[in-house]
Amino acid sequence: MINSIIKLIQLIIGFFLILPIACILPKQRGLTLFIGNGDGQFRDNVKYLYLQFYKFNPENLEFYFLTENHYVHKKLRQKQLPVLIYPRFLTFWKMLRASNIVVDNFAWRVIFKSCV
């Protein structure tokens, strides 16, 4: 019951507060976020597309791998790869401004970040 109430509150906040802000804020051209499966696992198609972006470093593109997993965040930072940890203010800001979001599957919408 408590989880249902929390999810309802998150949906209301997302729909009535964050969505209007996201619509008003201009998108940053070339800002791309990659979100892995589950809590931001670094695997599967998103991983390989992200690594190709890093390898070929497209001009005028800023990109990050977004994860909730602290282990993934730590490992990517150790390799000096662009990564953001969720939830943090900078991560929310990047999510609101991103012109492209690449996700592994549709399940990423289940948690609060779908509201952004």
PDB file of N, CA and C in Angstrom:
ATOM      1  N   MET A   1       0.825  -1.198   0.000  1.00  0.00           N
ATOM      2  CA  MET A   1       0.000   0.000   0.000  1.00  0.00           C
ATOM      3  C   MET A   1       0.872   1.266   0.000  1.00  0.00           C
ATOM      4  N   ILE A   2       1.919   1.265   0.839  1.00  0.00           N
ATOM      5  CA  ILE A   2       2.815   2.420   0.917  1.00  0.00           C
ATOM      6  C   ILE A   2       3.519   2.640  -0.426  1.00  0.00           C
ATOM      7  N   ASN A   3       3.966   1.550  -1.060  1.00  0.00           N
ATOM      8  CA  ASN A   3       4.643   1.675  -2.359  1.00  0.00           C
ATOM      9  C   ASN A   3       3.710   2.267  -3.398  1.00  0.00           C
ATOM     10  N   SER A   4       2.447   1.899  -3.378  1.00  0.00           N
ATOM     11  CA  SER A   4       1.471   2.445  -4.323  1.00  0.00           C
ATOM     12  C   SER A   4       1.299   3.939  -4.108  1.00  0.00           C
ATOM     13  N   ILE A   5       1.265   4.364  -2.859  1.00  0.00           N
ATOM     14  CA  ILE A   5       1.116   5.789  -2.550  1.00  0.00           C
ATOM     15  C   ILE A   5       2.353   6.553  -3.000  1.00  0.00           C
ATOM     16  N   ILE A   6       3.530   6.001  -2.753  1.00  0.00           N
ATOM     17  CA  ILE A   6       4.779   6.649  -3.177  1.00  0.00           C
ATOM     18  C   ILE A   6       4.821   6.789  -4.695  1.00  0.00           C
ATOM     19  N   LYS A   7       4.452   5.727  -5.415  1.00  0.00           N
ATOM     20  CA  LYS A   7       4.452   5.783  -6.879  1.00  0.00           C
ATOM     21  C   LYS A   7       3.445   6.812  -7.387  1.00  0.00           C
ATOM     22  N   LEU A   8       2.285   6.922  -6.723  1.00  0.00           N
ATOM     23  CA  LEU A   8       1.285   7.914  -7.108  1.00  0.00           C
ATOM     24  C   LEU A   8       1.817   9.323  -6.884  1.00  0.00           C
ATOM     25  N   ILE A   9       2.471   9.562  -5.765  1.00  0.00           N
ATOM     26  CA  ILE A   9       3.060  10.876  -5.479  1.00  0.00           C
ATOM     27  C   ILE A   9       4.128  11.208  -6.514  1.00  0.00           C
ATOM     28  N   GLN A  10       4.973  10.232  -6.856  1.00  0.00           N
ATOM     29  CA  GLN A  10       6.003  10.449  -7.874  1.00  0.00           C
ATOM     30  C   GLN A  10       5.373  10.787  -9.216  1.00  0.00           C
ATOM     31  N   LEU A  11       4.316  10.109  -9.573  1.00  0.00           N
ATOM     32  CA  LEU A  11       3.627  10.367 -10.837  1.00  0.00           C
ATOM     33  C   LEU A  11       3.040  11.771 -10.858  1.00  0.00           C
ATOM     34  N   ILE A  12       2.420  12.172  -9.758  1.00  0.00           N
ATOM     35  CA  ILE A  12       1.829  13.507  -9.676  1.00  0.00           C
ATOM     36  C   ILE A  12       2.913  14.582  -9.765  1.00  0.00           C
ATOM     37  N   ILE A  13       3.993  14.402  -9.024  1.00  0.00           N
ATOM     38  CA  ILE A  13       5.112  15.365  -9.082  1.00  0.00           C
ATOM     39  C   ILE A  13       5.671  15.426 -10.500  1.00  0.00           C
ATOM     40  N   GLY A  14       5.883  14.275 -11.106  1.00  0.00           N
ATOM     41  CA  GLY A  14       6.422  14.238 -12.458  1.00  0.00           C
ATOM     42  C   GLY A  14       5.512  14.898 -13.464  1.00  0.00           C
ATOM     43  N   PHE A  15       4.227  14.608 -13.374  1.00  0.00           N
ATOM     44  CA  PHE A  15       3.282  15.106 -14.376  1.00  0.00           C
ATOM     45  C   PHE A  15       3.005  16.594 -14.219  1.00  0.00           C
ATOM     46  N   PHE A  16       2.843  17.068 -12.982  1.00  0.00           N
ATOM     47  CA  PHE A  16       2.436  18.450 -12.766  1.00  0.00           C
ATOM     48  C   PHE A  16       3.588  19.409 -12.486  1.00  0.00           C
ATOM     49  N   LEU A  17       4.755  18.899 -12.158  1.00  0.00           N
ATOM     50  CA  LEU A  17       5.878  19.785 -11.870  1.00  0.00           C
ATOM     51  C   LEU A  17       7.019  19.608 -12.864  1.00  0.00           C
ATOM     52  N   ILE A  18       7.520  18.386 -12.981  1.00  0.00           N
ATOM     53  CA  ILE A  18       8.714  18.154 -13.790  1.00  0.00           C
ATOM     54  C   ILE A  18       8.416  18.206 -15.282  1.00  0.00           C
ATOM     55  N   LEU A  19       7.316  17.616 -15.721  1.00  0.00           N
ATOM     56  CA  LEU A  19       6.975  17.626 -17.151  1.00  0.00           C
ATOM     57  C   LEU A  19       6.841  19.042 -17.703  1.00  0.00           C
ATOM     58  N   PRO A  20       6.114  19.944 -17.022  1.00  0.00           N
ATOM     59  CA  PRO A  20       6.066  21.318 -17.554  1.00  0.00           C
ATOM     60  C   PRO A  20       7.436  21.997 -17.612  1.00  0.00           C
ATOM     61  N   ILE A  21       8.263  21.753 -16.594  1.00  0.00           N
ATOM     62  CA  ILE A  21       9.613  22.324 -16.603  1.00  0.00           C
ATOM     63  C   ILE A  21      10.411  21.764 -17.779  1.00  0.00           C
ATOM     64  N   ALA A  22      10.297  20.453 -18.003  1.00  0.00           N
ATOM     65  CA  ALA A  22      11.017  19.817 -19.114  1.00  0.00           C
ATOM     66  C   ALA A  22      10.564  20.371 -20.460  1.00  0.00           C
ATOM     67  N   CYS A  23       9.302  20.709 -20.566  1.00  0.00           N
ATOM     68  CA  CYS A  23       8.787  21.255 -21.832  1.00  0.00           C
ATOM     69  C   CYS A  23       9.242  22.687 -22.056  1.00  0.00           C
ATOM     70  N   ILE A  24       9.444  23.436 -20.985  1.00  0.00           N
ATOM     71  CA  ILE A  24       9.845  24.839 -21.101  1.00  0.00           C
ATOM     72  C   ILE A  24      11.345  24.977 -21.349  1.00  0.00           C
ATOM     73  N   LEU A  25      12.147  24.164 -20.665  1.00  0.00           N
ATOM     74  CA  LEU A  25      13.599  24.269 -20.805  1.00  0.00           C
ATOM     75  C   LEU A  25      14.047  23.896 -22.224  1.00  0.00           C
ATOM     76  N   PRO A  26      14.905  24.708 -22.795  1.00  0.00           N
ATOM     77  CA  PRO A  26      15.416  24.336 -24.119  1.00  0.00           C
ATOM     78  C   PRO A  26      16.338  23.119 -24.007  1.00  0.00           C
ATOM     79  N   LYS A  27      16.276  22.280 -24.995  1.00  0.00           N
ATOM     80  CA  LYS A  27      17.125  21.088 -25.029  1.00  0.00           C
ATOM     81  C   LYS A  27      18.517  21.479 -25.524  1.00  0.00           C
ATOM     82  N   GLN A  28      19.506  20.836 -24.970  1.00  0.00           N
ATOM     83  CA  GLN A  28      20.894  21.079 -25.373  1.00  0.00           C
ATOM     84  C   GLN A  28      21.206  20.193 -26.563  1.00  0.00           C
ATOM     85  N   ARG A  29      21.392  20.802 -27.684  1.00  0.00           N
ATOM     86  CA  ARG A  29      21.654  20.055 -28.907  1.00  0.00           C
ATOM     87  C   ARG A  29      22.915  19.197 -28.752  1.00  0.00           C
ATOM     88  N   GLY A  30      22.781  17.913 -29.048  1.00  0.00           N
ATOM     89  CA  GLY A  30      23.920  17.013 -28.985  1.00  0.00           C
ATOM     90  C   GLY A  30      24.137  16.355 -27.639  1.00  0.00           C
ATOM     91  N   LEU A  31      23.330  16.706 -26.627  1.00  0.00           N
ATOM     92  CA  LEU A  31      23.465  16.058 -25.317  1.00  0.00           C
ATOM     93  C   LEU A  31      22.705  14.737 -25.346  1.00  0.00           C
ATOM     94  N   THR A  32      23.442  13.633 -25.178  1.00  0.00           N
ATOM     95  CA  THR A  32      22.863  12.298 -25.255  1.00  0.00           C
ATOM     96  C   THR A  32      23.135  11.549 -23.961  1.00  0.00           C
ATOM     97  N   LEU A  33      22.104  10.921 -23.424  1.00  0.00           N
ATOM     98  CA  LEU A  33      22.225  10.093 -22.231  1.00  0.00           C
ATOM     99  C   LEU A  33      21.949   8.648 -22.604  1.00  0.00           C
ATOM    100  N   PHE A  34      22.750   7.756 -22.085  1.00  0.00           N
ATOM    101  CA  PHE A  34      22.569   6.317 -22.278  1.00  0.00           C
ATOM    102  C   PHE A  34      22.143   5.729 -20.935  1.00  0.00           C
ATOM    103  N   ILE A  35      21.034   4.995 -20.933  1.00  0.00           N
ATOM    104  CA  ILE A  35      20.531   4.399 -19.701  1.00  0.00           C
ATOM    105  C   ILE A  35      20.468   2.893 -19.888  1.00  0.00           C
ATOM    106  N   GLY A  36      21.183   2.181 -19.035  1.00  0.00           N
ATOM    107  CA  GLY A  36      21.216   0.728 -19.117  1.00  0.00           C
ATOM    108  C   GLY A  36      20.001   0.076 -18.482  1.00  0.00           C
ATOM    109  N   ASN A  37      19.905  -1.206 -18.634  1.00  0.00           N
ATOM    110  CA  ASN A  37      18.800  -1.996 -18.115  1.00  0.00           C
ATOM    111  C   ASN A  37      18.797  -1.986 -16.585  1.00  0.00           C
ATOM    112  N   GLY A  38      17.619  -2.116 -15.998  1.00  0.00           N
ATOM    113  CA  GLY A  38      17.488  -2.200 -14.546  1.00  0.00           C
ATOM    114  C   GLY A  38      17.924  -0.922 -13.864  1.00  0.00           C
ATOM    115  N   ASP A  39      18.899  -1.032 -12.984  1.00  0.00           N
ATOM    116  CA  ASP A  39      19.387   0.133 -12.244  1.00  0.00           C
ATOM    117  C   ASP A  39      20.552   0.817 -12.957  1.00  0.00           C
ATOM    118  N   GLY A  40      20.637   0.617 -14.259  1.00  0.00           N
ATOM    119  CA  GLY A  40      21.707   1.234 -15.039  1.00  0.00           C
ATOM    120  C   GLY A  40      22.884   0.314 -15.218  1.00  0.00           C
ATOM    121  N   GLN A  41      22.606  -0.948 -15.474  1.00  0.00           N
ATOM    122  CA  GLN A  41      23.674  -1.924 -15.702  1.00  0.00           C
ATOM    123  C   GLN A  41      24.414  -1.568 -16.989  1.00  0.00           C
ATOM    124  N   PHE A  42      25.708  -1.768 -16.974  1.00  0.00           N
ATOM    125  CA  PHE A  42      26.550  -1.467 -18.126  1.00  0.00           C
ATOM    126  C   PHE A  42      26.716  -2.739 -18.938  1.00  0.00           C
ATOM    127  N   ARG A  43      25.738  -3.006 -19.808  1.00  0.00           N
ATOM    128  CA  ARG A  43      25.746  -4.223 -20.612  1.00  0.00           C
ATOM    129  C   ARG A  43      24.816  -4.063 -21.809  1.00  0.00           C
ATOM    130  N   ASP A  44      24.863  -5.046 -22.671  1.00  0.00           N
ATOM    131  CA  ASP A  44      23.973  -5.154 -23.826  1.00  0.00           C
ATOM    132  C   ASP A  44      24.174  -4.015 -24.831  1.00  0.00           C
ATOM    133  N   ASN A  45      23.155  -3.753 -25.627  1.00  0.00           N
ATOM    134  CA  ASN A  45      23.277  -2.830 -26.752  1.00  0.00           C
ATOM    135  C   ASN A  45      23.652  -1.413 -26.344  1.00  0.00           C
ATOM    136  N   VAL A  46      23.093  -0.931 -25.238  1.00  0.00           N
ATOM    137  CA  VAL A  46      23.402   0.431 -24.798  1.00  0.00           C
ATOM    138  C   VAL A  46      24.888   0.569 -24.476  1.00  0.00           C
ATOM    139  N   LYS A  47      25.453  -0.436 -23.855  1.00  0.00           N
ATOM    140  CA  LYS A  47      26.885  -0.424 -23.534  1.00  0.00           C
ATOM    141  C   LYS A  47      27.718  -0.259 -24.803  1.00  0.00           C
ATOM    142  N   TYR A  48      27.433  -1.057 -25.811  1.00  0.00           N
ATOM    143  CA  TYR A  48      28.252  -1.046 -27.014  1.00  0.00           C
ATOM    144  C   TYR A  48      28.053   0.226 -27.843  1.00  0.00           C
ATOM    145  N   LEU A  49      26.855   0.743 -27.875  1.00  0.00           N
ATOM    146  CA  LEU A  49      26.635   2.013 -28.572  1.00  0.00           C
ATOM    147  C   LEU A  49      27.364   3.140 -27.846  1.00  0.00           C
ATOM    148  N   TYR A  50      27.275   3.160 -26.520  1.00  0.00           N
ATOM    149  CA  TYR A  50      27.982   4.153 -25.701  1.00  0.00           C
ATOM    150  C   TYR A  50      29.494   4.084 -25.948  1.00  0.00           C
ATOM    151  N   LEU A  51      30.040   2.870 -25.961  1.00  0.00           N
ATOM    152  CA  LEU A  51      31.481   2.719 -26.202  1.00  0.00           C
ATOM    153  C   LEU A  51      31.870   3.162 -27.605  1.00  0.00           C
ATOM    154  N   GLN A  52      30.994   2.979 -28.576  1.00  0.00           N
ATOM    155  CA  GLN A  52      31.272   3.478 -29.927  1.00  0.00           C
ATOM    156  C   GLN A  52      31.284   5.008 -29.942  1.00  0.00           C
ATOM    157  N   PHE A  53      30.343   5.625 -29.213  1.00  0.00           N
ATOM    158  CA  PHE A  53      30.359   7.086 -29.093  1.00  0.00           C
ATOM    159  C   PHE A  53      31.693   7.539 -28.501  1.00  0.00           C
ATOM    160  N   TYR A  54      32.125   6.847 -27.459  1.00  0.00           N
ATOM    161  CA  TYR A  54      33.378   7.220 -26.811  1.00  0.00           C
ATOM    162  C   TYR A  54      34.569   7.008 -27.749  1.00  0.00           C
ATOM    163  N   LYS A  55      34.579   5.898 -28.447  1.00  0.00           N
ATOM    164  CA  LYS A  55      35.696   5.561 -29.334  1.00  0.00           C
ATOM    165  C   LYS A  55      35.840   6.575 -30.472  1.00  0.00           C
ATOM    166  N   PHE A  56      34.720   6.913 -31.098  1.00  0.00           N
ATOM    167  CA  PHE A  56      34.772   7.802 -32.253  1.00  0.00           C
ATOM    168  C   PHE A  56      34.558   9.259 -31.877  1.00  0.00           C
ATOM    169  N   ASN A  57      34.180   9.518 -30.627  1.00  0.00           N
ATOM    170  CA  ASN A  57      34.043  10.858 -30.075  1.00  0.00           C
ATOM    171  C   ASN A  57      33.437  11.849 -31.069  1.00  0.00           C
ATOM    172  N   PRO A  58      32.146  11.703 -31.373  1.00  0.00           N
ATOM    173  CA  PRO A  58      31.513  12.613 -32.336  1.00  0.00           C
ATOM    174  C   PRO A  58      31.650  14.069 -31.903  1.00  0.00           C
ATOM    175  N   GLU A  59      31.947  14.919 -32.862  1.00  0.00           N
ATOM    176  CA  GLU A  59      32.123  16.339 -32.571  1.00  0.00           C
ATOM    177  C   GLU A  59      30.807  16.949 -32.117  1.00  0.00           C
ATOM    178  N   ASN A  60      30.922  17.940 -31.251  1.00  0.00           N
ATOM    179  CA  ASN A  60      29.781  18.699 -30.749  1.00  0.00           C
ATOM    180  C   ASN A  60      28.764  17.847 -29.999  1.00  0.00           C
ATOM    181  N   LEU A  61      29.161  16.667 -29.553  1.00  0.00           N
ATOM    182  CA  LEU A  61      28.251  15.835 -28.782  1.00  0.00           C
ATOM    183  C   LEU A  61      28.785  15.664 -27.368  1.00  0.00           C
ATOM    184  N   GLU A  62      27.906  15.867 -26.432  1.00  0.00           N
ATOM    185  CA  GLU A  62      28.209  15.593 -25.035  1.00  0.00           C
ATOM    186  C   GLU A  62      27.363  14.380 -24.670  1.00  0.00           C
ATOM    187  N   PHE A  63      27.961  13.384 -24.079  1.00  0.00           N
ATOM    188  CA  PHE A  63      27.201  12.178 -23.760  1.00  0.00           C
ATOM    189  C   PHE A  63      27.669  11.575 -22.452  1.00  0.00           C
ATOM    190  N   TYR A  64      26.732  10.880 -21.800  1.00  0.00           N
ATOM    191  CA  TYR A  64      26.998  10.268 -20.506  1.00  0.00           C
ATOM    192  C   TYR A  64      26.267   8.932 -20.422  1.00  0.00           C
ATOM    193  N   PHE A  65      26.828   8.034 -19.635  1.00  0.00           N
ATOM    194  CA  PHE A  65      26.106   6.828 -19.242  1.00  0.00           C
ATOM    195  C   PHE A  65      25.464   7.156 -17.899  1.00  0.00           C
ATOM    196  N   LEU A  66      24.158   6.968 -17.788  1.00  0.00           N
ATOM    197  CA  LEU A  66      23.432   7.284 -16.570  1.00  0.00           C
ATOM    198  C   LEU A  66      23.127   5.987 -15.828  1.00  0.00           C
ATOM    199  N   THR A  67      23.478   5.933 -14.555  1.00  0.00           N
ATOM    200  CA  THR A  67      23.279   4.722 -13.777  1.00  0.00           C
ATOM    201  C   THR A  67      22.877   5.048 -12.344  1.00  0.00           C
ATOM    202  N   GLU A  68      22.151   4.146 -11.717  1.00  0.00           N
ATOM    203  CA  GLU A  68      21.874   4.219 -10.283  1.00  0.00           C
ATOM    204  C   GLU A  68      22.831   3.305  -9.522  1.00  0.00           C
ATOM    205  N   ASN A  69      23.533   2.474 -10.224  1.00  0.00           N
ATOM    206  CA  ASN A  69      24.399   1.469  -9.635  1.00  0.00           C
ATOM    207  C   ASN A  69      25.754   2.095  -9.287  1.00  0.00           C
ATOM    208  N   HIS A  70      26.065   2.138  -7.996  1.00  0.00           N
ATOM    209  CA  HIS A  70      27.307   2.788  -7.560  1.00  0.00           C
ATOM    210  C   HIS A  70      28.552   2.040  -8.035  1.00  0.00           C
ATOM    211  N   TYR A  71      28.473   0.742  -8.156  1.00  0.00           N
ATOM    212  CA  TYR A  71      29.604  -0.042  -8.655  1.00  0.00           C
ATOM    213  C   TYR A  71      29.896   0.326 -10.111  1.00  0.00           C
ATOM    214  N   VAL A  72      28.846   0.388 -10.940  1.00  0.00           N
ATOM    215  CA  VAL A  72      29.010   0.767 -12.351  1.00  0.00           C
ATOM    216  C   VAL A  72      29.578   2.178 -12.438  1.00  0.00           C
ATOM    217  N   HIS A  73      29.037   3.089 -11.645  1.00  0.00           N
ATOM    218  CA  HIS A  73      29.514   4.473 -11.637  1.00  0.00           C
ATOM    219  C   HIS A  73      31.002   4.543 -11.301  1.00  0.00           C
ATOM    220  N   LYS A  74      31.399   3.813 -10.259  1.00  0.00           N
ATOM    221  CA  LYS A  74      32.803   3.801  -9.836  1.00  0.00           C
ATOM    222  C   LYS A  74      33.719   3.250 -10.924  1.00  0.00           C
ATOM    223  N   LYS A  75      33.330   2.131 -11.539  1.00  0.00           N
ATOM    224  CA  LYS A  75      34.160   1.502 -12.575  1.00  0.00           C
ATOM    225  C   LYS A  75      34.302   2.400 -13.807  1.00  0.00           C
ATOM    226  N   LEU A  76      33.232   3.037 -14.236  1.00  0.00           N
ATOM    227  CA  LEU A  76      33.310   3.919 -15.406  1.00  0.00           C
ATOM    228  C   LEU A  76      34.146   5.155 -15.103  1.00  0.00           C
ATOM    229  N   ARG A  77      34.031   5.703 -13.895  1.00  0.00           N
ATOM    230  CA  ARG A  77      34.860   6.851 -13.509  1.00  0.00           C
ATOM    231  C   ARG A  77      36.340   6.474 -13.458  1.00  0.00           C
ATOM    232  N   GLN A  78      36.631   5.257 -12.986  1.00  0.00           N
ATOM    233  CA  GLN A  78      38.024   4.808 -12.948  1.00  0.00           C
ATOM    234  C   GLN A  78      38.619   4.753 -14.347  1.00  0.00           C
ATOM    235  N   LYS A  79      37.800   4.438 -15.325  1.00  0.00           N
ATOM    236  CA  LYS A  79      38.268   4.383 -16.714  1.00  0.00           C
ATOM    237  C   LYS A  79      38.130   5.728 -17.422  1.00  0.00           C
ATOM    238  N   GLN A  80      37.762   6.758 -16.645  1.00  0.00           N
ATOM    239  CA  GLN A  80      37.614   8.127 -17.130  1.00  0.00           C
ATOM    240  C   GLN A  80      36.589   8.237 -18.255  1.00  0.00           C
ATOM    241  N   LEU A  81      35.510   7.478 -18.134  1.00  0.00           N
ATOM    242  CA  LEU A  81      34.406   7.544 -19.080  1.00  0.00           C
ATOM    243  C   LEU A  81      33.344   8.500 -18.533  1.00  0.00           C
ATOM    244  N   PRO A  82      32.652   9.228 -19.400  1.00  0.00           N
ATOM    245  CA  PRO A  82      31.620  10.150 -18.925  1.00  0.00           C
ATOM    246  C   PRO A  82      30.422   9.385 -18.350  1.00  0.00           C
ATOM    247  N   VAL A  83      30.154   9.592 -17.070  1.00  0.00           N
ATOM    248  CA  VAL A  83      29.094   8.862 -16.382  1.00  0.00           C
ATOM    249  C   VAL A  83      28.420   9.778 -15.365  1.00  0.00           C
ATOM    250  N   LEU A  84      27.128   9.575 -15.179  1.00  0.00           N
ATOM    251  CA  LEU A  84      26.353  10.304 -14.178  1.00  0.00           C
ATOM    252  C   LEU A  84      25.678   9.296 -13.255  1.00  0.00           C
ATOM    253  N   ILE A  85      25.583   9.640 -11.970  1.00  0.00           N
ATOM    254  CA  ILE A  85      24.892   8.787 -11.013  1.00  0.00           C
ATOM    255  C   ILE A  85      23.516   9.395 -10.736  1.00  0.00           C
ATOM    256  N   TYR A  86      22.527   8.546 -10.666  1.00  0.00           N
ATOM    257  CA  TYR A  86      21.159   8.963 -10.386  1.00  0.00           C
ATOM    258  C   TYR A  86      20.800   8.528  -8.985  1.00  0.00           C
ATOM    259  N   PRO A  87      20.155   9.303  -8.163  1.00  0.00           N
ATOM    260  CA  PRO A  87      19.696  10.675  -8.387  1.00  0.00           C
ATOM    261  C   PRO A  87      20.670  11.710  -7.817  1.00  0.00           C
ATOM    262  N   ARG A  88      20.980  12.666  -8.584  1.00  0.00           N
ATOM    263  CA  ARG A  88      21.772  13.834  -8.190  1.00  0.00           C
ATOM    264  C   ARG A  88      21.211  15.032  -8.969  1.00  0.00           C
ATOM    265  N   PHE A  89      21.440  16.222  -8.437  1.00  0.00           N
ATOM    266  CA  PHE A  89      20.909  17.411  -9.094  1.00  0.00           C
ATOM    267  C   PHE A  89      21.444  17.548 -10.517  1.00  0.00           C
ATOM    268  N   LEU A  90      22.759  17.360 -10.693  1.00  0.00           N
ATOM    269  CA  LEU A  90      23.354  17.475 -12.030  1.00  0.00           C
ATOM    270  C   LEU A  90      22.727  16.469 -12.994  1.00  0.00           C
ATOM    271  N   THR A  91      22.459  15.275 -12.501  1.00  0.00           N
ATOM    272  CA  THR A  91      21.841  14.243 -13.342  1.00  0.00           C
ATOM    273  C   THR A  91      20.440  14.665 -13.763  1.00  0.00           C
ATOM    274  N   PHE A  92      19.644  15.179 -12.821  1.00  0.00           N
ATOM    275  CA  PHE A  92      18.302  15.674 -13.172  1.00  0.00           C
ATOM    276  C   PHE A  92      18.391  16.783 -14.209  1.00  0.00           C
ATOM    277  N   TRP A  93      19.337  17.685 -14.012  1.00  0.00           N
ATOM    278  CA  TRP A  93      19.507  18.799 -14.947  1.00  0.00           C
ATOM    279  C   TRP A  93      19.842  18.283 -16.352  1.00  0.00           C
ATOM    280  N   LYS A  94      20.775  17.331 -16.419  1.00  0.00           N
ATOM    281  CA  LYS A  94      21.145  16.766 -17.725  1.00  0.00           C
ATOM    282  C   LYS A  94      19.957  16.036 -18.359  1.00  0.00           C
ATOM    283  N   MET A  95      19.171  15.344 -17.536  1.00  0.00           N
ATOM    284  CA  MET A  95      18.003  14.635 -18.060  1.00  0.00           C
ATOM    285  C   MET A  95      16.973  15.608 -18.641  1.00  0.00           C
ATOM    286  N   LEU A  96      16.789  16.724 -17.968  1.00  0.00           N
ATOM    287  CA  LEU A  96      15.844  17.730 -18.457  1.00  0.00           C
ATOM    288  C   LEU A  96      16.327  18.392 -19.739  1.00  0.00           C
ATOM    289  N   ARG A  97      17.624  18.530 -19.909  1.00  0.00           N
ATOM    290  CA  ARG A  97      18.191  19.231 -21.053  1.00  0.00           C
ATOM    291  C   ARG A  97      18.568  18.328 -22.223  1.00  0.00           C
ATOM    292  N   ALA A  98      18.614  17.018 -22.015  1.00  0.00           N
ATOM    293  CA  ALA A  98      19.079  16.094 -23.059  1.00  0.00           C
ATOM    294  C   ALA A  98      18.178  16.146 -24.289  1.00  0.00           C
ATOM    295  N   SER A  99      18.819  16.176 -25.440  1.00  0.00           N
ATOM    296  CA  SER A  99      18.056  16.123 -26.692  1.00  0.00           C
ATOM    297  C   SER A  99      17.861  14.679 -27.150  1.00  0.00           C
ATOM    298  N   ASN A 100      18.682  13.757 -26.625  1.00  0.00           N
ATOM    299  CA  ASN A 100      18.564  12.336 -26.978  1.00  0.00           C
ATOM    300  C   ASN A 100      18.755  11.487 -25.725  1.00  0.00           C
ATOM    301  N   ILE A 101      17.890  10.496 -25.567  1.00  0.00           N
ATOM    302  CA  ILE A 101      18.049   9.529 -24.489  1.00  0.00           C
ATOM    303  C   ILE A 101      17.948   8.144 -25.113  1.00  0.00           C
ATOM    304  N   VAL A 102      19.003   7.357 -24.912  1.00  0.00           N
ATOM    305  CA  VAL A 102      19.046   6.001 -25.460  1.00  0.00           C
ATOM    306  C   VAL A 102      18.858   5.045 -24.288  1.00  0.00           C
ATOM    307  N   VAL A 103      17.819   4.220 -24.356  1.00  0.00           N
ATOM    308  CA  VAL A 103      17.530   3.286 -23.267  1.00  0.00           C
ATOM    309  C   VAL A 103      17.608   1.859 -23.780  1.00  0.00           C
ATOM    310  N   ASP A 104      17.921   0.954 -22.864  1.00  0.00           N
ATOM    311  CA  ASP A 104      18.053  -0.458 -23.219  1.00  0.00           C
ATOM    312  C   ASP A 104      16.699  -1.100 -23.483  1.00  0.00           C
ATOM    313  N   ASN A 105      15.718  -0.747 -22.673  1.00  0.00           N
ATOM    314  CA  ASN A 105      14.362  -1.254 -22.880  1.00  0.00           C
ATOM    315  C   ASN A 105      13.369  -0.301 -22.253  1.00  0.00           C
ATOM    316  N   PHE A 106      12.120  -0.628 -22.368  1.00  0.00           N
ATOM    317  CA  PHE A 106      11.054   0.254 -21.917  1.00  0.00           C
ATOM    318  C   PHE A 106      10.912   0.279 -20.401  1.00  0.00           C
ATOM    319  N   ALA A 107      11.499  -0.661 -19.692  1.00  0.00           N
ATOM    320  CA  ALA A 107      11.326  -0.776 -18.244  1.00  0.00           C
ATOM    321  C   ALA A 107      11.906   0.402 -17.469  1.00  0.00           C
ATOM    322  N   TRP A 108      12.760   1.211 -18.063  1.00  0.00           N
ATOM    323  CA  TRP A 108      13.342   2.346 -17.351  1.00  0.00           C
ATOM    324  C   TRP A 108      12.279   3.337 -16.912  1.00  0.00           C
ATOM    325  N   ARG A 109      11.113   3.316 -17.544  1.00  0.00           N
ATOM    326  CA  ARG A 109      10.032   4.241 -17.205  1.00  0.00           C
ATOM    327  C   ARG A 109       9.336   3.876 -15.909  1.00  0.00           C
ATOM    328  N   VAL A 110       9.596   2.678 -15.383  1.00  0.00           N
ATOM    329  CA  VAL A 110       8.902   2.212 -14.187  1.00  0.00           C
ATOM    330  C   VAL A 110       9.269   3.045 -12.960  1.00  0.00           C
ATOM    331  N   ILE A 111      10.483   3.543 -12.913  1.00  0.00           N
ATOM    332  CA  ILE A 111      10.911   4.288 -11.729  1.00  0.00           C
ATOM    333  C   ILE A 111      10.821   5.794 -11.972  1.00  0.00           C
ATOM    334  N   PHE A 112      11.138   6.562 -10.967  1.00  0.00           N
ATOM    335  CA  PHE A 112      10.909   8.011 -10.978  1.00  0.00           C
ATOM    336  C   PHE A 112      11.573   8.745 -12.131  1.00  0.00           C
ATOM    337  N   LYS A 113      12.669   8.245 -12.642  1.00  0.00           N
ATOM    338  CA  LYS A 113      13.347   8.979 -13.703  1.00  0.00           C
ATOM    339  C   LYS A 113      12.491   9.110 -14.957  1.00  0.00           C
ATOM    340  N   SER A 114      11.422   8.307 -15.061  1.00  0.00           N
ATOM    341  CA  SER A 114      10.512   8.445 -16.201  1.00  0.00           C
ATOM    342  C   SER A 114       9.788   9.770 -16.160  1.00  0.00           C
ATOM    343  N   CYS A 115       9.666  10.353 -14.983  1.00  0.00           N
ATOM    344  CA  CYS A 115       8.975  11.617 -14.860  1.00  0.00           C
ATOM    345  C   CYS A 115       9.796  12.776 -15.421  1.00  0.00           C
ATOM    346  N   VAL A 116      11.091  12.577 -15.512  1.00  0.00           N
ATOM    347  CA  VAL A 116      11.972  13.616 -16.043  1.00  0.00           C
ATOM    348  C   VAL A 116      12.085  13.376 -17.508  1.00  0.00           C
TER     349      VAL A 116
END
